Amino acid sequence: MSKTKTNRGAAKRFRKTGKGGFNRSQSHINHILTKKTSTRKRHLGSTEQVADADVKSVRRMLPYS
């Protein structure tokens, strides 16, 4: 039986945490930044935890992480 392939798009977007969850980066930080406040842009630069409802699908896309 062949090895399970890792979803390469997911591998670039998610990082596994020590407790088994996944971190993700936030959207809306790449362009149209002039109308966004400094506080909003600063907070968008941080990472967030993947929602509990989505962890199962992320784990399926990243079988070896």
PDB file of N, CA and C in Angstrom:
ATOM      1  N   MET A   1       0.843  -1.183   0.000  1.00  0.00           N
ATOM      2  CA  MET A   1       0.000   0.000   0.000  1.00  0.00           C
ATOM      3  C   MET A   1       0.888   1.245   0.000  1.00  0.00           C
ATOM      4  N   SER A   2       0.475   2.239  -0.763  1.00  0.00           N
ATOM      5  CA  SER A   2       1.294   3.435  -0.893  1.00  0.00           C
ATOM      6  C   SER A   2       1.132   4.359   0.309  1.00  0.00           C
ATOM      7  N   LYS A   3       2.086   5.272   0.434  1.00  0.00           N
ATOM      8  CA  LYS A   3       2.035   6.236   1.521  1.00  0.00           C
ATOM      9  C   LYS A   3       0.935   7.249   1.269  1.00  0.00           C
ATOM     10  N   THR A   4       0.403   7.821   2.331  1.00  0.00           N
ATOM     11  CA  THR A   4      -0.590   8.884   2.221  1.00  0.00           C
ATOM     12  C   THR A   4       0.118  10.189   1.910  1.00  0.00           C
ATOM     13  N   LYS A   5      -0.390  10.903   0.907  1.00  0.00           N
ATOM     14  CA  LYS A   5       0.238  12.170   0.536  1.00  0.00           C
ATOM     15  C   LYS A   5      -0.227  13.294   1.453  1.00  0.00           C
ATOM     16  N   THR A   6       0.695  14.174   1.765  1.00  0.00           N
ATOM     17  CA  THR A   6       0.384  15.378   2.521  1.00  0.00           C
ATOM     18  C   THR A   6      -0.175  16.418   1.569  1.00  0.00           C
ATOM     19  N   ASN A   7      -1.218  17.101   1.969  1.00  0.00           N
ATOM     20  CA  ASN A   7      -1.746  18.218   1.186  1.00  0.00           C
ATOM     21  C   ASN A   7      -0.772  19.381   1.313  1.00  0.00           C
ATOM     22  N   ARG A   8      -0.079  19.737   0.226  1.00  0.00           N
ATOM     23  CA  ARG A   8       0.993  20.718   0.287  1.00  0.00           C
ATOM     24  C   ARG A   8       0.472  22.124   0.584  1.00  0.00           C
ATOM     25  N   GLY A   9      -0.734  22.436   0.154  1.00  0.00           N
ATOM     26  CA  GLY A   9      -1.317  23.734   0.481  1.00  0.00           C
ATOM     27  C   GLY A   9      -1.579  23.860   1.968  1.00  0.00           C
ATOM     28  N   ALA A  10      -2.067  22.786   2.576  1.00  0.00           N
ATOM     29  CA  ALA A  10      -2.319  22.781   4.018  1.00  0.00           C
ATOM     30  C   ALA A  10      -1.014  22.815   4.799  1.00  0.00           C
ATOM     31  N   ALA A  11       0.034  22.165   4.284  1.00  0.00           N
ATOM     32  CA  ALA A  11       1.320  22.129   4.982  1.00  0.00           C
ATOM     33  C   ALA A  11       1.917  23.524   5.091  1.00  0.00           C
ATOM     34  N   LYS A  12       1.627  24.393   4.123  1.00  0.00           N
ATOM     35  CA  LYS A  12       2.150  25.761   4.144  1.00  0.00           C
ATOM     36  C   LYS A  12       1.308  26.682   5.014  1.00  0.00           C
ATOM     37  N   ARG A  13       0.098  26.265   5.362  1.00  0.00           N
ATOM     38  CA  ARG A  13      -0.826  27.146   6.083  1.00  0.00           C
ATOM     39  C   ARG A  13      -0.968  26.831   7.565  1.00  0.00           C
ATOM     40  N   PHE A  14      -0.713  25.592   7.959  1.00  0.00           N
ATOM     41  CA  PHE A  14      -0.957  25.173   9.332  1.00  0.00           C
ATOM     42  C   PHE A  14       0.309  24.652   9.990  1.00  0.00           C
ATOM     43  N   ARG A  15       0.462  24.948  11.280  1.00  0.00           N
ATOM     44  CA  ARG A  15       1.576  24.441  12.075  1.00  0.00           C
ATOM     45  C   ARG A  15       0.992  23.737  13.305  1.00  0.00           C
ATOM     46  N   LYS A  16       1.540  22.578  13.625  1.00  0.00           N
ATOM     47  CA  LYS A  16       1.031  21.821  14.758  1.00  0.00           C
ATOM     48  C   LYS A  16       1.543  22.419  16.068  1.00  0.00           C
ATOM     49  N   THR A  17       0.685  22.443  17.087  1.00  0.00           N
ATOM     50  CA  THR A  17       1.052  22.949  18.400  1.00  0.00           C
ATOM     51  C   THR A  17       1.508  21.781  19.277  1.00  0.00           C
ATOM     52  N   GLY A  18       2.022  22.099  20.434  1.00  0.00           N
ATOM     53  CA  GLY A  18       2.503  21.070  21.340  1.00  0.00           C
ATOM     54  C   GLY A  18       1.407  20.182  21.888  1.00  0.00           C
ATOM     55  N   LYS A  19       0.208  20.716  22.016  1.00  0.00           N
ATOM     56  CA  LYS A  19      -0.905  19.952  22.578  1.00  0.00           C
ATOM     57  C   LYS A  19      -1.717  19.202  21.527  1.00  0.00           C
ATOM     58  N   GLY A  20      -1.297  19.257  20.264  1.00  0.00           N
ATOM     59  CA  GLY A  20      -1.983  18.494  19.229  1.00  0.00           C
ATOM     60  C   GLY A  20      -2.941  19.305  18.384  1.00  0.00           C
ATOM     61  N   GLY A  21      -3.087  20.596  18.667  1.00  0.00           N
ATOM     62  CA  GLY A  21      -3.930  21.443  17.838  1.00  0.00           C
ATOM     63  C   GLY A  21      -3.136  22.000  16.669  1.00  0.00           C
ATOM     64  N   PHE A  22      -3.719  22.972  15.979  1.00  0.00           N
ATOM     65  CA  PHE A  22      -3.047  23.588  14.848  1.00  0.00           C
ATOM     66  C   PHE A  22      -3.204  25.098  14.920  1.00  0.00           C
ATOM     67  N   ASN A  23      -2.119  25.802  14.565  1.00  0.00           N
ATOM     68  CA  ASN A  23      -2.170  27.255  14.447  1.00  0.00           C
ATOM     69  C   ASN A  23      -2.346  27.635  12.991  1.00  0.00           C
ATOM     70  N   ARG A  24      -2.962  28.782  12.774  1.00  0.00           N
ATOM     71  CA  ARG A  24      -3.150  29.289  11.420  1.00  0.00           C
ATOM     72  C   ARG A  24      -2.908  30.789  11.441  1.00  0.00           C
ATOM     73  N   SER A  25      -2.575  31.344  10.276  1.00  0.00           N
ATOM     74  CA  SER A  25      -2.448  32.790  10.172  1.00  0.00           C
ATOM     75  C   SER A  25      -3.795  33.376   9.777  1.00  0.00           C
ATOM     76  N   GLN A  26      -3.961  34.669   9.985  1.00  0.00           N
ATOM     77  CA  GLN A  26      -5.229  35.319   9.702  1.00  0.00           C
ATOM     78  C   GLN A  26      -5.228  35.948   8.317  1.00  0.00           C
ATOM     79  N   SER A  27      -6.405  36.139   7.772  1.00  0.00           N
ATOM     80  CA  SER A  27      -6.550  36.729   6.447  1.00  0.00           C
ATOM     81  C   SER A  27      -6.693  38.244   6.550  1.00  0.00           C
ATOM     82  N   HIS A  28      -6.795  38.904   5.421  1.00  0.00           N
ATOM     83  CA  HIS A  28      -7.032  40.358   5.296  1.00  0.00           C
ATOM     84  C   HIS A  28      -5.840  41.201   5.730  1.00  0.00           C
ATOM     85  N   ILE A  29      -4.627  40.699   5.563  1.00  0.00           N
ATOM     86  CA  ILE A  29      -3.452  41.469   5.975  1.00  0.00           C
ATOM     87  C   ILE A  29      -2.531  41.753   4.786  1.00  0.00           C
ATOM     88  N   ASN A  30      -2.910  41.321   3.578  1.00  0.00           N
ATOM     89  CA  ASN A  30      -2.012  41.445   2.430  1.00  0.00           C
ATOM     90  C   ASN A  30      -2.152  42.752   1.656  1.00  0.00           C
ATOM     91  N   HIS A  31      -3.343  43.252   1.477  1.00  0.00           N
ATOM     92  CA  HIS A  31      -3.496  44.487   0.703  1.00  0.00           C
ATOM     93  C   HIS A  31      -4.710  45.261   1.198  1.00  0.00           C
ATOM     94  N   ILE A  32      -4.898  46.456   0.638  1.00  0.00           N
ATOM     95  CA  ILE A  32      -5.919  47.419   1.086  1.00  0.00           C
ATOM     96  C   ILE A  32      -5.717  47.701   2.576  1.00  0.00           C
ATOM     97  N   LEU A  33      -4.500  48.098   2.926  1.00  0.00           N
ATOM     98  CA  LEU A  33      -4.160  48.302   4.326  1.00  0.00           C
ATOM     99  C   LEU A  33      -4.370  49.741   4.780  1.00  0.00           C
ATOM    100  N   THR A  34      -4.570  50.683   3.853  1.00  0.00           N
ATOM    101  CA  THR A  34      -4.648  52.085   4.254  1.00  0.00           C
ATOM    102  C   THR A  34      -5.903  52.389   5.063  1.00  0.00           C
ATOM    103  N   LYS A  35      -6.972  51.686   4.801  1.00  0.00           N
ATOM    104  CA  LYS A  35      -8.216  51.956   5.532  1.00  0.00           C
ATOM    105  C   LYS A  35      -8.323  51.198   6.848  1.00  0.00           C
ATOM    106  N   LYS A  36      -7.395  50.307   7.104  1.00  0.00           N
ATOM    107  CA  LYS A  36      -7.426  49.537   8.342  1.00  0.00           C
ATOM    108  C   LYS A  36      -6.589  50.241   9.406  1.00  0.00           C
ATOM    109  N   THR A  37      -7.062  50.191  10.625  1.00  0.00           N
ATOM    110  CA  THR A  37      -6.357  50.866  11.720  1.00  0.00           C
ATOM    111  C   THR A  37      -5.090  50.097  12.087  1.00  0.00           C
ATOM    112  N   SER A  38      -4.180  50.785  12.753  1.00  0.00           N
ATOM    113  CA  SER A  38      -2.928  50.154  13.182  1.00  0.00           C
ATOM    114  C   SER A  38      -3.189  48.991  14.125  1.00  0.00           C
ATOM    115  N   THR A  39      -4.156  49.165  15.014  1.00  0.00           N
ATOM    116  CA  THR A  39      -4.494  48.106  15.973  1.00  0.00           C
ATOM    117  C   THR A  39      -4.993  46.865  15.243  1.00  0.00           C
ATOM    118  N   ARG A  40      -5.858  47.077  14.258  1.00  0.00           N
ATOM    119  CA  ARG A  40      -6.417  45.954  13.500  1.00  0.00           C
ATOM    120  C   ARG A  40      -5.320  45.220  12.733  1.00  0.00           C
ATOM    121  N   LYS A  41      -4.430  45.973  12.096  1.00  0.00           N
ATOM    122  CA  LYS A  41      -3.341  45.361  11.340  1.00  0.00           C
ATOM    123  C   LYS A  41      -2.391  44.602  12.261  1.00  0.00           C
ATOM    124  N   ARG A  42      -2.132  45.128  13.437  1.00  0.00           N
ATOM    125  CA  ARG A  42      -1.250  44.466  14.388  1.00  0.00           C
ATOM    126  C   ARG A  42      -1.847  43.143  14.858  1.00  0.00           C
ATOM    127  N   HIS A  43      -3.134  43.143  15.141  1.00  0.00           N
ATOM    128  CA  HIS A  43      -3.785  41.916  15.593  1.00  0.00           C
ATOM    129  C   HIS A  43      -3.890  40.879  14.476  1.00  0.00           C
ATOM    130  N   LEU A  44      -4.059  41.336  13.231  1.00  0.00           N
ATOM    131  CA  LEU A  44      -4.150  40.400  12.117  1.00  0.00           C
ATOM    132  C   LEU A  44      -2.816  39.708  11.845  1.00  0.00           C
ATOM    133  N   GLY A  45      -1.725  40.285  12.295  1.00  0.00           N
ATOM    134  CA  GLY A  45      -0.425  39.680  12.083  1.00  0.00           C
ATOM    135  C   GLY A  45      -0.154  38.484  12.968  1.00  0.00           C
ATOM    136  N   SER A  46      -0.923  38.323  14.021  1.00  0.00           N
ATOM    137  CA  SER A  46      -0.708  37.210  14.943  1.00  0.00           C
ATOM    138  C   SER A  46      -1.392  35.941  14.424  1.00  0.00           C
ATOM    139  N   THR A  47      -1.068  34.820  15.042  1.00  0.00           N
ATOM    140  CA  THR A  47      -1.680  33.552  14.653  1.00  0.00           C
ATOM    141  C   THR A  47      -2.839  33.231  15.583  1.00  0.00           C
ATOM    142  N   GLU A  48      -3.710  32.353  15.104  1.00  0.00           N
ATOM    143  CA  GLU A  48      -4.842  31.891  15.893  1.00  0.00           C
ATOM    144  C   GLU A  48      -4.915  30.382  15.824  1.00  0.00           C
ATOM    145  N   GLN A  49      -5.674  29.823  16.738  1.00  0.00           N
ATOM    146  CA  GLN A  49      -5.891  28.387  16.788  1.00  0.00           C
ATOM    147  C   GLN A  49      -6.975  28.007  15.783  1.00  0.00           C
ATOM    148  N   VAL A  50      -6.796  26.881  15.102  1.00  0.00           N
ATOM    149  CA  VAL A  50      -7.831  26.359  14.213  1.00  0.00           C
ATOM    150  C   VAL A  50      -9.008  25.930  15.075  1.00  0.00           C
ATOM    151  N   ALA A  51     -10.228  26.217  14.610  1.00  0.00           N
ATOM    152  CA  ALA A  51     -11.435  25.880  15.364  1.00  0.00           C
ATOM    153  C   ALA A  51     -11.544  24.371  15.569  1.00  0.00           C
ATOM    154  N   ASP A  52     -12.155  23.988  16.672  1.00  0.00           N
ATOM    155  CA  ASP A  52     -12.300  22.571  17.005  1.00  0.00           C
ATOM    156  C   ASP A  52     -13.039  21.801  15.918  1.00  0.00           C
ATOM    157  N   ALA A  53     -13.993  22.447  15.258  1.00  0.00           N
ATOM    158  CA  ALA A  53     -14.761  21.785  14.212  1.00  0.00           C
ATOM    159  C   ALA A  53     -13.916  21.472  12.984  1.00  0.00           C
ATOM    160  N   ASP A  54     -12.787  22.177  12.796  1.00  0.00           N
ATOM    161  CA  ASP A  54     -11.960  22.003  11.608  1.00  0.00           C
ATOM    162  C   ASP A  54     -10.701  21.177  11.850  1.00  0.00           C
ATOM    163  N   VAL A  55     -10.405  20.845  13.090  1.00  0.00           N
ATOM    164  CA  VAL A  55      -9.159  20.138  13.404  1.00  0.00           C
ATOM    165  C   VAL A  55      -9.133  18.764  12.744  1.00  0.00           C
ATOM    166  N   LYS A  56     -10.255  18.089  12.683  1.00  0.00           N
ATOM    167  CA  LYS A  56     -10.303  16.752  12.091  1.00  0.00           C
ATOM    168  C   LYS A  56      -9.914  16.783  10.623  1.00  0.00           C
ATOM    169  N   SER A  57     -10.409  17.760   9.881  1.00  0.00           N
ATOM    170  CA  SER A  57     -10.091  17.839   8.461  1.00  0.00           C
ATOM    171  C   SER A  57      -8.644  18.268   8.234  1.00  0.00           C
ATOM    172  N   VAL A  58      -8.113  19.146   9.086  1.00  0.00           N
ATOM    173  CA  VAL A  58      -6.717  19.551   8.962  1.00  0.00           C
ATOM    174  C   VAL A  58      -5.808  18.372   9.267  1.00  0.00           C
ATOM    175  N   ARG A  59      -6.143  17.592  10.262  1.00  0.00           N
ATOM    176  CA  ARG A  59      -5.346  16.426  10.613  1.00  0.00           C
ATOM    177  C   ARG A  59      -5.341  15.400   9.474  1.00  0.00           C
ATOM    178  N   ARG A  60      -6.443  15.299   8.768  1.00  0.00           N
ATOM    179  CA  ARG A  60      -6.520  14.378   7.635  1.00  0.00           C
ATOM    180  C   ARG A  60      -5.626  14.855   6.481  1.00  0.00           C
ATOM    181  N   MET A  61      -5.520  16.178   6.306  1.00  0.00           N
ATOM    182  CA  MET A  61      -4.680  16.723   5.239  1.00  0.00           C
ATOM    183  C   MET A  61      -3.186  16.642   5.576  1.00  0.00           C
ATOM    184  N   LEU A  62      -2.863  16.596   6.893  1.00  0.00           N
ATOM    185  CA  LEU A  62      -1.473  16.535   7.332  1.00  0.00           C
ATOM    186  C   LEU A  62      -1.235  15.257   8.127  1.00  0.00           C
ATOM    187  N   PRO A  63      -1.147  14.123   7.466  1.00  0.00           N
ATOM    188  CA  PRO A  63      -1.105  12.845   8.186  1.00  0.00           C
ATOM    189  C   PRO A  63       0.173  12.607   8.972  1.00  0.00           C
ATOM    190  N   TYR A  64       1.286  13.262   8.632  1.00  0.00           N
ATOM    191  CA  TYR A  64       2.556  12.980   9.298  1.00  0.00           C
ATOM    192  C   TYR A  64       3.007  14.079  10.228  1.00  0.00           C
ATOM    193  N   SER A  65       2.128  15.037  10.538  1.00  0.00           N
ATOM    194  CA  SER A  65       2.530  16.114  11.445  1.00  0.00           C
ATOM    195  C   SER A  65       2.075  15.828  12.867  1.00  0.00           C
TER     196      SER A  65
END
